[in-house]
Amino acid sequence: MLSRLLDIKRRRERGLRAELARQDEEMARLARERDDNRCRRADALRRWREHADASGAFDPPGLAKLRAELARLEAEHQALQARAADIAAERLRLEAERQEQDASLRRNLREQEKFHCLLENPEC
């Protein structure tokens, strides 16, 4: 009976470790996405500044084109900022989930130790 319970705990441990590995991969993916997002935001901001620094006289179509490009770059920058906030929230959620999984794994390992002790020494 105890050996069956120990086997169940071992399977649960493997599942918990697999979930932790999946979470590690997800955190790495989010870190890469965060870094990519930062680069894209910096690039959009740089291009916006280049366009905003344009000086001289503009004809009406040229001015309209400049305004449209500035508006597009501003919208792109805002969308990237929103995505950065989403990534940060996802990382926080994943970190909390990981802490729960770590606690579950530690509990599982303690229970396995108890079962080992009982199997080796029934008077334990």
PDB file of N, CA and C in Angstrom:
ATOM      1  N   MET A   1       0.822  -1.195   0.000  1.00  0.00           N
ATOM      2  CA  MET A   1       0.000   0.000   0.000  1.00  0.00           C
ATOM      3  C   MET A   1       0.873   1.268   0.000  1.00  0.00           C
ATOM      4  N   LEU A   2       1.846   1.302   0.912  1.00  0.00           N
ATOM      5  CA  LEU A   2       2.719   2.475   0.975  1.00  0.00           C
ATOM      6  C   LEU A   2       3.553   2.623  -0.292  1.00  0.00           C
ATOM      7  N   SER A   3       3.974   1.492  -0.853  1.00  0.00           N
ATOM      8  CA  SER A   3       4.772   1.571  -2.080  1.00  0.00           C
ATOM      9  C   SER A   3       3.935   2.123  -3.234  1.00  0.00           C
ATOM     10  N   ARG A   4       2.655   1.788  -3.274  1.00  0.00           N
ATOM     11  CA  ARG A   4       1.778   2.347  -4.319  1.00  0.00           C
ATOM     12  C   ARG A   4       1.617   3.847  -4.125  1.00  0.00           C
ATOM     13  N   LEU A   5       1.454   4.261  -2.875  1.00  0.00           N
ATOM     14  CA  LEU A   5       1.350   5.694  -2.601  1.00  0.00           C
ATOM     15  C   LEU A   5       2.642   6.415  -2.986  1.00  0.00           C
ATOM     16  N   LEU A   6       3.765   5.773  -2.710  1.00  0.00           N
ATOM     17  CA  LEU A   6       5.053   6.357  -3.083  1.00  0.00           C
ATOM     18  C   LEU A   6       5.178   6.470  -4.602  1.00  0.00           C
ATOM     19  N   ASP A   7       4.719   5.458  -5.322  1.00  0.00           N
ATOM     20  CA  ASP A   7       4.731   5.517  -6.791  1.00  0.00           C
ATOM     21  C   ASP A   7       3.869   6.669  -7.297  1.00  0.00           C
ATOM     22  N   ILE A   8       2.717   6.844  -6.673  1.00  0.00           N
ATOM     23  CA  ILE A   8       1.831   7.955  -7.062  1.00  0.00           C
ATOM     24  C   ILE A   8       2.531   9.292  -6.819  1.00  0.00           C
ATOM     25  N   LYS A   9       3.185   9.409  -5.675  1.00  0.00           N
ATOM     26  CA  LYS A   9       3.903  10.649  -5.360  1.00  0.00           C
ATOM     27  C   LYS A   9       5.039  10.892  -6.355  1.00  0.00           C
ATOM     28  N   ARG A  10       5.715   9.835  -6.770  1.00  0.00           N
ATOM     29  CA  ARG A  10       6.805   9.985  -7.748  1.00  0.00           C
ATOM     30  C   ARG A  10       6.266  10.449  -9.098  1.00  0.00           C
ATOM     31  N   ARG A  11       5.126   9.886  -9.508  1.00  0.00           N
ATOM     32  CA  ARG A  11       4.514  10.335 -10.770  1.00  0.00           C
ATOM     33  C   ARG A  11       4.105  11.801 -10.663  1.00  0.00           C
ATOM     34  N   ARG A  12       3.568  12.160  -9.516  1.00  0.00           N
ATOM     35  CA  ARG A  12       3.176  13.546  -9.298  1.00  0.00           C
ATOM     36  C   ARG A  12       4.413  14.459  -9.354  1.00  0.00           C
ATOM     37  N   GLU A  13       5.513  13.995  -8.777  1.00  0.00           N
ATOM     38  CA  GLU A  13       6.757  14.765  -8.818  1.00  0.00           C
ATOM     39  C   GLU A  13       7.197  14.986 -10.264  1.00  0.00           C
ATOM     40  N   ARG A  14       7.146  13.940 -11.072  1.00  0.00           N
ATOM     41  CA  ARG A  14       7.535  14.085 -12.487  1.00  0.00           C
ATOM     42  C   ARG A  14       6.638  15.103 -13.185  1.00  0.00           C
ATOM     43  N   GLY A  15       5.340  15.042 -12.883  1.00  0.00           N
ATOM     44  CA  GLY A  15       4.420  16.011 -13.476  1.00  0.00           C
ATOM     45  C   GLY A  15       4.731  17.436 -13.042  1.00  0.00           C
ATOM     46  N   LEU A  16       5.022  17.601 -11.755  1.00  0.00           N
ATOM     47  CA  LEU A  16       5.363  18.936 -11.251  1.00  0.00           C
ATOM     48  C   LEU A  16       6.652  19.452 -11.885  1.00  0.00           C
ATOM     49  N   ARG A  17       7.637  18.577 -12.016  1.00  0.00           N
ATOM     50  CA  ARG A  17       8.907  18.994 -12.630  1.00  0.00           C
ATOM     51  C   ARG A  17       8.707  19.341 -14.114  1.00  0.00           C
ATOM     52  N   ALA A  18       7.858  18.591 -14.790  1.00  0.00           N
ATOM     53  CA  ALA A  18       7.570  18.893 -16.196  1.00  0.00           C
ATOM     54  C   ALA A  18       6.874  20.251 -16.315  1.00  0.00           C
ATOM     55  N   GLU A  19       5.957  20.524 -15.398  1.00  0.00           N
ATOM     56  CA  GLU A  19       5.263  21.809 -15.410  1.00  0.00           C
ATOM     57  C   GLU A  19       6.242  22.948 -15.119  1.00  0.00           C
ATOM     58  N   LEU A  20       7.158  22.733 -14.191  1.00  0.00           N
ATOM     59  CA  LEU A  20       8.169  23.755 -13.902  1.00  0.00           C
ATOM     60  C   LEU A  20       9.059  24.004 -15.120  1.00  0.00           C
ATOM     61  N   ALA A  21       9.409  22.957 -15.832  1.00  0.00           N
ATOM     62  CA  ALA A  21      10.223  23.111 -17.048  1.00  0.00           C
ATOM     63  C   ALA A  21       9.448  23.893 -18.110  1.00  0.00           C
ATOM     64  N   ARG A  22       8.155  23.607 -18.239  1.00  0.00           N
ATOM     65  CA  ARG A  22       7.317  24.337 -19.195  1.00  0.00           C
ATOM     66  C   ARG A  22       7.253  25.815 -18.816  1.00  0.00           C
ATOM     67  N   GLN A  23       7.118  26.084 -17.520  1.00  0.00           N
ATOM     68  CA  GLN A  23       7.072  27.468 -17.061  1.00  0.00           C
ATOM     69  C   GLN A  23       8.400  28.180 -17.315  1.00  0.00           C
ATOM     70  N   ASP A  24       9.504  27.471 -17.140  1.00  0.00           N
ATOM     71  CA  ASP A  24      10.816  28.064 -17.436  1.00  0.00           C
ATOM     72  C   ASP A  24      10.917  28.441 -18.911  1.00  0.00           C
ATOM     73  N   GLU A  25      10.436  27.559 -19.778  1.00  0.00           N
ATOM     74  CA  GLU A  25      10.445  27.854 -21.217  1.00  0.00           C
ATOM     75  C   GLU A  25       9.570  29.061 -21.528  1.00  0.00           C
ATOM     76  N   GLU A  26       8.417  29.136 -20.877  1.00  0.00           N
ATOM     77  CA  GLU A  26       7.499  30.259 -21.094  1.00  0.00           C
ATOM     78  C   GLU A  26       8.135  31.566 -20.601  1.00  0.00           C
ATOM     79  N   MET A  27       8.816  31.520 -19.462  1.00  0.00           N
ATOM     80  CA  MET A  27       9.492  32.718 -18.953  1.00  0.00           C
ATOM     81  C   MET A  27      10.594  33.161 -19.915  1.00  0.00           C
ATOM     82  N   ALA A  28      11.327  32.209 -20.465  1.00  0.00           N
ATOM     83  CA  ALA A  28      12.382  32.542 -21.427  1.00  0.00           C
ATOM     84  C   ALA A  28      11.773  33.163 -22.687  1.00  0.00           C
ATOM     85  N   ARG A  29      10.648  32.609 -23.144  1.00  0.00           N
ATOM     86  CA  ARG A  29       9.972  33.161 -24.324  1.00  0.00           C
ATOM     87  C   ARG A  29       9.512  34.593 -24.046  1.00  0.00           C
ATOM     88  N   LEU A  30       8.937  34.810 -22.855  1.00  0.00           N
ATOM     89  CA  LEU A  30       8.481  36.152 -22.503  1.00  0.00           C
ATOM     90  C   LEU A  30       9.656  37.126 -22.386  1.00  0.00           C
ATOM     91  N   ALA A  31      10.783  36.657 -21.887  1.00  0.00           N
ATOM     92  CA  ALA A  31      11.966  37.524 -21.795  1.00  0.00           C
ATOM     93  C   ALA A  31      12.439  37.925 -23.190  1.00  0.00           C
ATOM     94  N   ARG A  32      12.440  36.956 -24.110  1.00  0.00           N
ATOM     95  CA  ARG A  32      12.837  37.280 -25.496  1.00  0.00           C
ATOM     96  C   ARG A  32      11.843  38.258 -26.114  1.00  0.00           C
ATOM     97  N   GLU A  33      10.552  38.026 -25.875  1.00  0.00           N
ATOM     98  CA  GLU A  33       9.531  38.916 -26.431  1.00  0.00           C
ATOM     99  C   GLU A  33       9.654  40.318 -25.825  1.00  0.00           C
ATOM    100  N   ARG A  34       9.946  40.393 -24.523  1.00  0.00           N
ATOM    101  CA  ARG A  34      10.135  41.686 -23.863  1.00  0.00           C
ATOM    102  C   ARG A  34      11.317  42.430 -24.482  1.00  0.00           C
ATOM    103  N   ASP A  35      12.425  41.726 -24.695  1.00  0.00           N
ATOM    104  CA  ASP A  35      13.607  42.355 -25.291  1.00  0.00           C
ATOM    105  C   ASP A  35      13.320  42.831 -26.712  1.00  0.00           C
ATOM    106  N   ASP A  36      12.623  42.006 -27.486  1.00  0.00           N
ATOM    107  CA  ASP A  36      12.255  42.383 -28.855  1.00  0.00           C
ATOM    108  C   ASP A  36      11.340  43.602 -28.835  1.00  0.00           C
ATOM    109  N   ASN A  37      10.398  43.609 -27.900  1.00  0.00           N
ATOM    110  CA  ASN A  37       9.468  44.725 -27.780  1.00  0.00           C
ATOM    111  C   ASN A  37      10.218  46.011 -27.454  1.00  0.00           C
ATOM    112  N   ARG A  38      11.192  45.935 -26.549  1.00  0.00           N
ATOM    113  CA  ARG A  38      11.983  47.121 -26.194  1.00  0.00           C
ATOM    114  C   ARG A  38      12.722  47.667 -27.413  1.00  0.00           C
ATOM    115  N   CYS A  39      13.306  46.776 -28.194  1.00  0.00           N
ATOM    116  CA  CYS A  39      14.025  47.209 -29.402  1.00  0.00           C
ATOM    117  C   CYS A  39      13.073  47.872 -30.388  1.00  0.00           C
ATOM    118  N   ARG A  40      11.908  47.267 -30.582  1.00  0.00           N
ATOM    119  CA  ARG A  40      10.937  47.830 -31.524  1.00  0.00           C
ATOM    120  C   ARG A  40      10.422  49.180 -31.038  1.00  0.00           C
ATOM    121  N   ARG A  41      10.192  49.320 -29.715  1.00  0.00           N
ATOM    122  CA  ARG A  41       9.746  50.604 -29.170  1.00  0.00           C
ATOM    123  C   ARG A  41      10.816  51.669 -29.354  1.00  0.00           C
ATOM    124  N   ALA A  42      12.064  51.312 -29.083  1.00  0.00           N
ATOM    125  CA  ALA A  42      13.162  52.273 -29.250  1.00  0.00           C
ATOM    126  C   ALA A  42      13.279  52.692 -30.712  1.00  0.00           C
ATOM    127  N   ASP A  43      13.114  51.734 -31.623  1.00  0.00           N
ATOM    128  CA  ASP A  43      13.193  52.037 -33.051  1.00  0.00           C
ATOM    129  C   ASP A  43      12.049  52.957 -33.471  1.00  0.00           C
ATOM    130  N   ALA A  44      10.838  52.671 -32.989  1.00  0.00           N
ATOM    131  CA  ALA A  44       9.686  53.512 -33.333  1.00  0.00           C
ATOM    132  C   ALA A  44       9.884  54.924 -32.784  1.00  0.00           C
ATOM    133  N   LEU A  45      10.405  55.019 -31.579  1.00  0.00           N
ATOM    134  CA  LEU A  45      10.644  56.333 -30.985  1.00  0.00           C
ATOM    135  C   LEU A  45      11.730  57.089 -31.747  1.00  0.00           C
ATOM    136  N   ARG A  46      12.787  56.381 -32.145  1.00  0.00           N
ATOM    137  CA  ARG A  46      13.855  57.005 -32.921  1.00  0.00           C
ATOM    138  C   ARG A  46      13.307  57.533 -34.243  1.00  0.00           C
ATOM    139  N   ARG A  47      12.500  56.715 -34.947  1.00  0.00           N
ATOM    140  CA  ARG A  47      11.927  57.153 -36.226  1.00  0.00           C
ATOM    141  C   ARG A  47      10.977  58.331 -36.018  1.00  0.00           C
ATOM    142  N   TRP A  48      10.208  58.314 -34.925  1.00  0.00           N
ATOM    143  CA  TRP A  48       9.290  59.415 -34.638  1.00  0.00           C
ATOM    144  C   TRP A  48      10.089  60.704 -34.449  1.00  0.00           C
ATOM    145  N   ARG A  49      11.188  60.619 -33.682  1.00  0.00           N
ATOM    146  CA  ARG A  49      12.023  61.804 -33.448  1.00  0.00           C
ATOM    147  C   ARG A  49      12.638  62.319 -34.745  1.00  0.00           C
ATOM    148  N   GLU A  50      13.071  61.395 -35.606  1.00  0.00           N
ATOM    149  CA  GLU A  50      13.636  61.814 -36.895  1.00  0.00           C
ATOM    150  C   GLU A  50      12.603  62.597 -37.699  1.00  0.00           C
ATOM    151  N   HIS A  51      11.378  62.076 -37.732  1.00  0.00           N
ATOM    152  CA  HIS A  51      10.327  62.773 -38.482  1.00  0.00           C
ATOM    153  C   HIS A  51       9.943  64.088 -37.798  1.00  0.00           C
ATOM    154  N   ALA A  52       9.896  64.081 -36.467  1.00  0.00           N
ATOM    155  CA  ALA A  52       9.503  65.290 -35.737  1.00  0.00           C
ATOM    156  C   ALA A  52      10.559  66.388 -35.867  1.00  0.00           C
ATOM    157  N   ASP A  53      11.807  65.990 -36.055  1.00  0.00           N
ATOM    158  CA  ASP A  53      12.886  66.969 -36.192  1.00  0.00           C
ATOM    159  C   ASP A  53      12.959  67.576 -37.593  1.00  0.00           C
ATOM    160  N   ALA A  54      12.132  67.105 -38.488  1.00  0.00           N
ATOM    161  CA  ALA A  54      12.141  67.649 -39.852  1.00  0.00           C
ATOM    162  C   ALA A  54      11.785  69.135 -39.788  1.00  0.00           C
ATOM    163  N   SER A  55      12.556  69.920 -40.472  1.00  0.00           N
ATOM    164  CA  SER A  55      12.305  71.360 -40.448  1.00  0.00           C
ATOM    165  C   SER A  55      12.188  71.873 -41.878  1.00  0.00           C
ATOM    166  N   GLY A  56      11.767  73.074 -41.965  1.00  0.00           N
ATOM    167  CA  GLY A  56      11.621  73.681 -43.274  1.00  0.00           C
ATOM    168  C   GLY A  56      10.157  73.923 -43.586  1.00  0.00           C
ATOM    169  N   ALA A  57       9.945  74.385 -44.777  1.00  0.00           N
ATOM    170  CA  ALA A  57       8.580  74.658 -45.216  1.00  0.00           C
ATOM    171  C   ALA A  57       8.016  73.409 -45.874  1.00  0.00           C
ATOM    172  N   PHE A  58       6.789  73.106 -45.534  1.00  0.00           N
ATOM    173  CA  PHE A  58       6.120  71.938 -46.105  1.00  0.00           C
ATOM    174  C   PHE A  58       4.929  72.398 -46.919  1.00  0.00           C
ATOM    175  N   ASP A  59       4.759  71.780 -48.052  1.00  0.00           N
ATOM    176  CA  ASP A  59       3.541  72.035 -48.806  1.00  0.00           C
ATOM    177  C   ASP A  59       2.428  71.229 -48.122  1.00  0.00           C
ATOM    178  N   PRO A  60       1.169  71.552 -48.370  1.00  0.00           N
ATOM    179  CA  PRO A  60       0.067  70.860 -47.679  1.00  0.00           C
ATOM    180  C   PRO A  60       0.125  69.331 -47.801  1.00  0.00           C
ATOM    181  N   PRO A  61       0.388  68.754 -48.985  1.00  0.00           N
ATOM    182  CA  PRO A  61       0.468  67.291 -49.031  1.00  0.00           C
ATOM    183  C   PRO A  61       1.652  66.748 -48.225  1.00  0.00           C
ATOM    184  N   GLY A  62       2.780  67.458 -48.246  1.00  0.00           N
ATOM    185  CA  GLY A  62       3.952  67.031 -47.478  1.00  0.00           C
ATOM    186  C   GLY A  62       3.691  67.085 -45.981  1.00  0.00           C
ATOM    187  N   LEU A  63       3.006  68.157 -45.548  1.00  0.00           N
ATOM    188  CA  LEU A  63       2.664  68.288 -44.135  1.00  0.00           C
ATOM    189  C   LEU A  63       1.676  67.205 -43.716  1.00  0.00           C
ATOM    190  N   ALA A  64       0.715  66.929 -44.552  1.00  0.00           N
ATOM    191  CA  ALA A  64      -0.265  65.874 -44.243  1.00  0.00           C
ATOM    192  C   ALA A  64       0.435  64.522 -44.145  1.00  0.00           C
ATOM    193  N   LYS A  65       1.378  64.298 -45.046  1.00  0.00           N
ATOM    194  CA  LYS A  65       2.125  63.033 -45.027  1.00  0.00           C
ATOM    195  C   LYS A  65       2.950  62.922 -43.744  1.00  0.00           C
ATOM    196  N   LEU A  66       3.603  64.017 -43.343  1.00  0.00           N
ATOM    197  CA  LEU A  66       4.397  64.020 -42.115  1.00  0.00           C
ATOM    198  C   LEU A  66       3.509  63.759 -40.899  1.00  0.00           C
ATOM    199  N   ARG A  67       2.376  64.436 -40.832  1.00  0.00           N
ATOM    200  CA  ARG A  67       1.454  64.231 -39.704  1.00  0.00           C
ATOM    201  C   ARG A  67       0.953  62.792 -39.653  1.00  0.00           C
ATOM    202  N   ALA A  68       0.636  62.243 -40.806  1.00  0.00           N
ATOM    203  CA  ALA A  68       0.152  60.862 -40.853  1.00  0.00           C
ATOM    204  C   ALA A  68       1.233  59.894 -40.372  1.00  0.00           C
ATOM    205  N   GLU A  69       2.461  60.140 -40.798  1.00  0.00           N
ATOM    206  CA  GLU A  69       3.569  59.262 -40.379  1.00  0.00           C
ATOM    207  C   GLU A  69       3.825  59.388 -38.880  1.00  0.00           C
ATOM    208  N   LEU A  70       3.788  60.616 -38.362  1.00  0.00           N
ATOM    209  CA  LEU A  70       3.964  60.807 -36.919  1.00  0.00           C
ATOM    210  C   LEU A  70       2.844  60.127 -36.134  1.00  0.00           C
ATOM    211  N   ALA A  71       1.626  60.240 -36.618  1.00  0.00           N
ATOM    212  CA  ALA A  71       0.493  59.594 -35.944  1.00  0.00           C
ATOM    213  C   ALA A  71       0.639  58.077 -35.986  1.00  0.00           C
ATOM    214  N   ARG A  72       1.078  57.547 -37.123  1.00  0.00           N
ATOM    215  CA  ARG A  72       1.264  56.096 -37.241  1.00  0.00           C
ATOM    216  C   ARG A  72       2.342  55.607 -36.282  1.00  0.00           C
ATOM    217  N   LEU A  73       3.452  56.341 -36.219  1.00  0.00           N
ATOM    218  CA  LEU A  73       4.540  55.956 -35.319  1.00  0.00           C
ATOM    219  C   LEU A  73       4.119  56.069 -33.854  1.00  0.00           C
ATOM    220  N   GLU A  74       3.344  57.095 -33.529  1.00  0.00           N
ATOM    221  CA  GLU A  74       2.844  57.241 -32.158  1.00  0.00           C
ATOM    222  C   GLU A  74       1.910  56.084 -31.802  1.00  0.00           C
ATOM    223  N   ALA A  75       1.039  55.713 -32.722  1.00  0.00           N
ATOM    224  CA  ALA A  75       0.132  54.587 -32.476  1.00  0.00           C
ATOM    225  C   ALA A  75       0.916  53.285 -32.314  1.00  0.00           C
ATOM    226  N   GLU A  76       1.939  53.106 -33.138  1.00  0.00           N
ATOM    227  CA  GLU A  76       2.777  51.905 -33.033  1.00  0.00           C
ATOM    228  C   GLU A  76       3.475  51.868 -31.674  1.00  0.00           C
ATOM    229  N   HIS A  77       3.998  53.016 -31.259  1.00  0.00           N
ATOM    230  CA  HIS A  77       4.681  53.095 -29.966  1.00  0.00           C
ATOM    231  C   HIS A  77       3.713  52.783 -28.819  1.00  0.00           C
ATOM    232  N   GLN A  78       2.509  53.316 -28.877  1.00  0.00           N
ATOM    233  CA  GLN A  78       1.517  53.054 -27.831  1.00  0.00           C
ATOM    234  C   GLN A  78       1.111  51.582 -27.805  1.00  0.00           C
ATOM    235  N   ALA A  79       0.969  50.980 -28.979  1.00  0.00           N
ATOM    236  CA  ALA A  79       0.632  49.552 -29.037  1.00  0.00           C
ATOM    237  C   ALA A  79       1.759  48.716 -28.435  1.00  0.00           C
ATOM    238  N   LEU A  80       2.993  49.104 -28.706  1.00  0.00           N
ATOM    239  CA  LEU A  80       4.133  48.380 -28.141  1.00  0.00           C
ATOM    240  C   LEU A  80       4.211  48.573 -26.627  1.00  0.00           C
ATOM    241  N   GLN A  81       3.861  49.754 -26.142  1.00  0.00           N
ATOM    242  CA  GLN A  81       3.826  49.983 -24.700  1.00  0.00           C
ATOM    243  C   GLN A  81       2.748  49.120 -24.049  1.00  0.00           C
ATOM    244  N   ALA A  82       1.596  49.027 -24.688  1.00  0.00           N
ATOM    245  CA  ALA A  82       0.520  48.185 -24.149  1.00  0.00           C
ATOM    246  C   ALA A  82       0.958  46.726 -24.114  1.00  0.00           C
ATOM    247  N   ARG A  83       1.635  46.280 -25.161  1.00  0.00           N
ATOM    248  CA  ARG A  83       2.125  44.896 -25.189  1.00  0.00           C
ATOM    249  C   ARG A  83       3.172  44.677 -24.101  1.00  0.00           C
ATOM    250  N   ALA A  84       4.010  45.680 -23.848  1.00  0.00           N
ATOM    251  CA  ALA A  84       5.009  45.569 -22.780  1.00  0.00           C
ATOM    252  C   ALA A  84       4.322  45.395 -21.426  1.00  0.00           C
ATOM    253  N   ALA A  85       3.237  46.120 -21.212  1.00  0.00           N
ATOM    254  CA  ALA A  85       2.481  45.977 -19.962  1.00  0.00           C
ATOM    255  C   ALA A  85       1.866  44.582 -19.868  1.00  0.00           C
ATOM    256  N   ASP A  86       1.352  44.070 -20.993  1.00  0.00           N
ATOM    257  CA  ASP A  86       0.787  42.716 -21.013  1.00  0.00           C
ATOM    258  C   ASP A  86       1.855  41.672 -20.688  1.00  0.00           C
ATOM    259  N   ILE A  87       3.034  41.848 -21.253  1.00  0.00           N
ATOM    260  CA  ILE A  87       4.134  40.907 -21.001  1.00  0.00           C
ATOM    261  C   ILE A  87       4.513  40.937 -19.522  1.00  0.00           C
ATOM    262  N   ALA A  88       4.596  42.132 -18.952  1.00  0.00           N
ATOM    263  CA  ALA A  88       4.946  42.255 -17.534  1.00  0.00           C
ATOM    264  C   ALA A  88       3.899  41.572 -16.657  1.00  0.00           C
ATOM    265  N   ALA A  89       2.629  41.759 -16.984  1.00  0.00           N
ATOM    266  CA  ALA A  89       1.562  41.112 -16.211  1.00  0.00           C
ATOM    267  C   ALA A  89       1.632  39.595 -16.349  1.00  0.00           C
ATOM    268  N   GLU A  90       1.908  39.125 -17.548  1.00  0.00           N
ATOM    269  CA  GLU A  90       2.026  37.680 -17.783  1.00  0.00           C
ATOM    270  C   GLU A  90       3.208  37.103 -17.009  1.00  0.00           C
ATOM    271  N   ARG A  91       4.302  37.831 -16.967  1.00  0.00           N
ATOM    272  CA  ARG A  91       5.474  37.366 -16.204  1.00  0.00           C
ATOM    273  C   ARG A  91       5.153  37.292 -14.712  1.00  0.00           C
ATOM    274  N   LEU A  92       4.430  38.274 -14.199  1.00  0.00           N
ATOM    275  CA  LEU A  92       4.032  38.246 -12.787  1.00  0.00           C
ATOM    276  C   LEU A  92       3.128  37.053 -12.498  1.00  0.00           C
ATOM    277  N   ARG A  93       2.162  36.817 -13.383  1.00  0.00           N
ATOM    278  CA  ARG A  93       1.253  35.689 -13.203  1.00  0.00           C
ATOM    279  C   ARG A  93       2.026  34.380 -13.233  1.00  0.00           C
ATOM    280  N   LEU A  94       2.930  34.268 -14.178  1.00  0.00           N
ATOM    281  CA  LEU A  94       3.716  33.043 -14.325  1.00  0.00           C
ATOM    282  C   LEU A  94       4.646  32.838 -13.124  1.00  0.00           C
ATOM    283  N   GLU A  95       5.199  33.918 -12.610  1.00  0.00           N
ATOM    284  CA  GLU A  95       6.071  33.809 -11.432  1.00  0.00           C
ATOM    285  C   GLU A  95       5.273  33.334 -10.217  1.00  0.00           C
ATOM    286  N   ALA A  96       4.067  33.855 -10.038  1.00  0.00           N
ATOM    287  CA  ALA A  96       3.222  33.406  -8.925  1.00  0.00           C
ATOM    288  C   ALA A  96       2.868  31.928  -9.089  1.00  0.00           C
ATOM    289  N   GLU A  97       2.538  31.541 -10.313  1.00  0.00           N
ATOM    290  CA  GLU A  97       2.223  30.140 -10.599  1.00  0.00           C
ATOM    291  C   GLU A  97       3.437  29.254 -10.315  1.00  0.00           C
ATOM    292  N   ARG A  98       4.604  29.732 -10.669  1.00  0.00           N
ATOM    293  CA  ARG A  98       5.834  28.966 -10.431  1.00  0.00           C
ATOM    294  C   ARG A  98       6.085  28.793  -8.935  1.00  0.00           C
ATOM    295  N   GLN A  99       5.849  29.829  -8.164  1.00  0.00           N
ATOM    296  CA  GLN A  99       6.025  29.718  -6.716  1.00  0.00           C
ATOM    297  C   GLN A  99       5.079  28.672  -6.132  1.00  0.00           C
ATOM    298  N   GLU A 100       3.847  28.636  -6.628  1.00  0.00           N
ATOM    299  CA  GLU A 100       2.895  27.612  -6.179  1.00  0.00           C
ATOM    300  C   GLU A 100       3.387  26.216  -6.548  1.00  0.00           C
ATOM    301  N   GLN A 101       3.901  26.069  -7.770  1.00  0.00           N
ATOM    302  CA  GLN A 101       4.409  24.769  -8.208  1.00  0.00           C
ATOM    303  C   GLN A 101       5.620  24.350  -7.375  1.00  0.00           C
ATOM    304  N   ASP A 102       6.494  25.300  -7.062  1.00  0.00           N
ATOM    305  CA  ASP A 102       7.656  24.995  -6.222  1.00  0.00           C
ATOM    306  C   ASP A 102       7.209  24.505  -4.844  1.00  0.00           C
ATOM    307  N   ALA A 103       6.216  25.183  -4.281  1.00  0.00           N
ATOM    308  CA  ALA A 103       5.706  24.775  -2.969  1.00  0.00           C
ATOM    309  C   ALA A 103       5.096  23.375  -3.049  1.00  0.00           C
ATOM    310  N   SER A 104       4.349  23.103  -4.108  1.00  0.00           N
ATOM    311  CA  SER A 104       3.758  21.767  -4.289  1.00  0.00           C
ATOM    312  C   SER A 104       4.839  20.709  -4.419  1.00  0.00           C
ATOM    313  N   LEU A 105       5.892  21.023  -5.147  1.00  0.00           N
ATOM    314  CA  LEU A 105       6.987  20.065  -5.316  1.00  0.00           C
ATOM    315  C   LEU A 105       7.677  19.795  -3.975  1.00  0.00           C
ATOM    316  N   ARG A 106       7.916  20.841  -3.209  1.00  0.00           N
ATOM    317  CA  ARG A 106       8.550  20.646  -1.893  1.00  0.00           C
ATOM    318  C   ARG A 106       7.670  19.787  -0.984  1.00  0.00           C
ATOM    319  N   ARG A 107       6.355  20.052  -0.977  1.00  0.00           N
ATOM    320  CA  ARG A 107       5.434  19.225  -0.175  1.00  0.00           C
ATOM    321  C   ARG A 107       5.482  17.780  -0.630  1.00  0.00           C
ATOM    322  N   ASN A 108       5.472  17.588  -1.940  1.00  0.00           N
ATOM    323  CA  ASN A 108       5.506  16.242  -2.499  1.00  0.00           C
ATOM    324  C   ASN A 108       6.776  15.511  -2.079  1.00  0.00           C
ATOM    325  N   LEU A 109       7.902  16.189  -2.145  1.00  0.00           N
ATOM    326  CA  LEU A 109       9.169  15.559  -1.769  1.00  0.00           C
ATOM    327  C   LEU A 109       9.200  15.213  -0.280  1.00  0.00           C
ATOM    328  N   ARG A 110       8.643  16.094   0.556  1.00  0.00           N
ATOM    329  CA  ARG A 110       8.564  15.781   1.990  1.00  0.00           C
ATOM    330  C   ARG A 110       7.701  14.548   2.230  1.00  0.00           C
ATOM    331  N   GLU A 111       6.572  14.469   1.538  1.00  0.00           N
ATOM    332  CA  GLU A 111       5.691  13.306   1.686  1.00  0.00           C
ATOM    333  C   GLU A 111       6.387  12.038   1.205  1.00  0.00           C
ATOM    334  N   GLN A 112       7.150  12.148   0.133  1.00  0.00           N
ATOM    335  CA  GLN A 112       7.897  10.981  -0.338  1.00  0.00           C
ATOM    336  C   GLN A 112       8.906  10.519   0.711  1.00  0.00           C
ATOM    337  N   GLU A 113       9.563  11.478   1.351  1.00  0.00           N
ATOM    338  CA  GLU A 113      10.515  11.114   2.409  1.00  0.00           C
ATOM    339  C   GLU A 113       9.811  10.368   3.535  1.00  0.00           C
ATOM    340  N   LYS A 114       8.623  10.822   3.887  1.00  0.00           N
ATOM    341  CA  LYS A 114       7.859  10.145   4.940  1.00  0.00           C
ATOM    342  C   LYS A 114       7.528   8.716   4.520  1.00  0.00           C
ATOM    343  N   PHE A 115       7.097   8.540   3.283  1.00  0.00           N
ATOM    344  CA  PHE A 115       6.769   7.192   2.803  1.00  0.00           C
ATOM    345  C   PHE A 115       8.015   6.309   2.768  1.00  0.00           C
ATOM    346  N   HIS A 116       9.151   6.883   2.368  1.00  0.00           N
ATOM    347  CA  HIS A 116      10.404   6.119   2.379  1.00  0.00           C
ATOM    348  C   HIS A 116      10.718   5.646   3.793  1.00  0.00           C
ATOM    349  N   CYS A 117      10.574   6.554   4.727  1.00  0.00           N
ATOM    350  CA  CYS A 117      10.853   6.223   6.123  1.00  0.00           C
ATOM    351  C   CYS A 117       9.929   5.107   6.598  1.00  0.00           C
ATOM    352  N   LEU A 118       8.647   5.206   6.268  1.00  0.00           N
ATOM    353  CA  LEU A 118       7.690   4.173   6.686  1.00  0.00           C
ATOM    354  C   LEU A 118       7.967   2.837   6.009  1.00  0.00           C
ATOM    355  N   LEU A 119       8.401   2.876   4.753  1.00  0.00           N
ATOM    356  CA  LEU A 119       8.708   1.624   4.051  1.00  0.00           C
ATOM    357  C   LEU A 119       9.955   0.963   4.623  1.00  0.00           C
ATOM    358  N   GLU A 120      10.956   1.771   4.947  1.00  0.00           N
ATOM    359  CA  GLU A 120      12.202   1.217   5.471  1.00  0.00           C
ATOM    360  C   GLU A 120      12.070   0.795   6.928  1.00  0.00           C
ATOM    361  N   ASN A 121      11.293   1.555   7.675  1.00  0.00           N
ATOM    362  CA  ASN A 121      11.127   1.277   9.095  1.00  0.00           C
ATOM    363  C   ASN A 121       9.662   1.514   9.451  1.00  0.00           C
ATOM    364  N   PRO A 122       8.837   0.486   9.475  1.00  0.00           N
ATOM    365  CA  PRO A 122       7.403   0.658   9.742  1.00  0.00           C
ATOM    366  C   PRO A 122       7.103   1.319  11.082  1.00  0.00           C
ATOM    367  N   GLU A 123       8.050   1.324  11.994  1.00  0.00           N
ATOM    368  CA  GLU A 123       7.829   1.942  13.301  1.00  0.00           C
ATOM    369  C   GLU A 123       8.152   3.428  13.289  1.00  0.00           C
ATOM    370  N   CYS A 124       8.550   3.948  12.174  1.00  0.00           N
ATOM    371  CA  CYS A 124       8.994   5.336  12.020  1.00  0.00           C
ATOM    372  C   CYS A 124       7.921   6.330  12.361  1.00  0.00           C
TER     373      CYS A 124
END
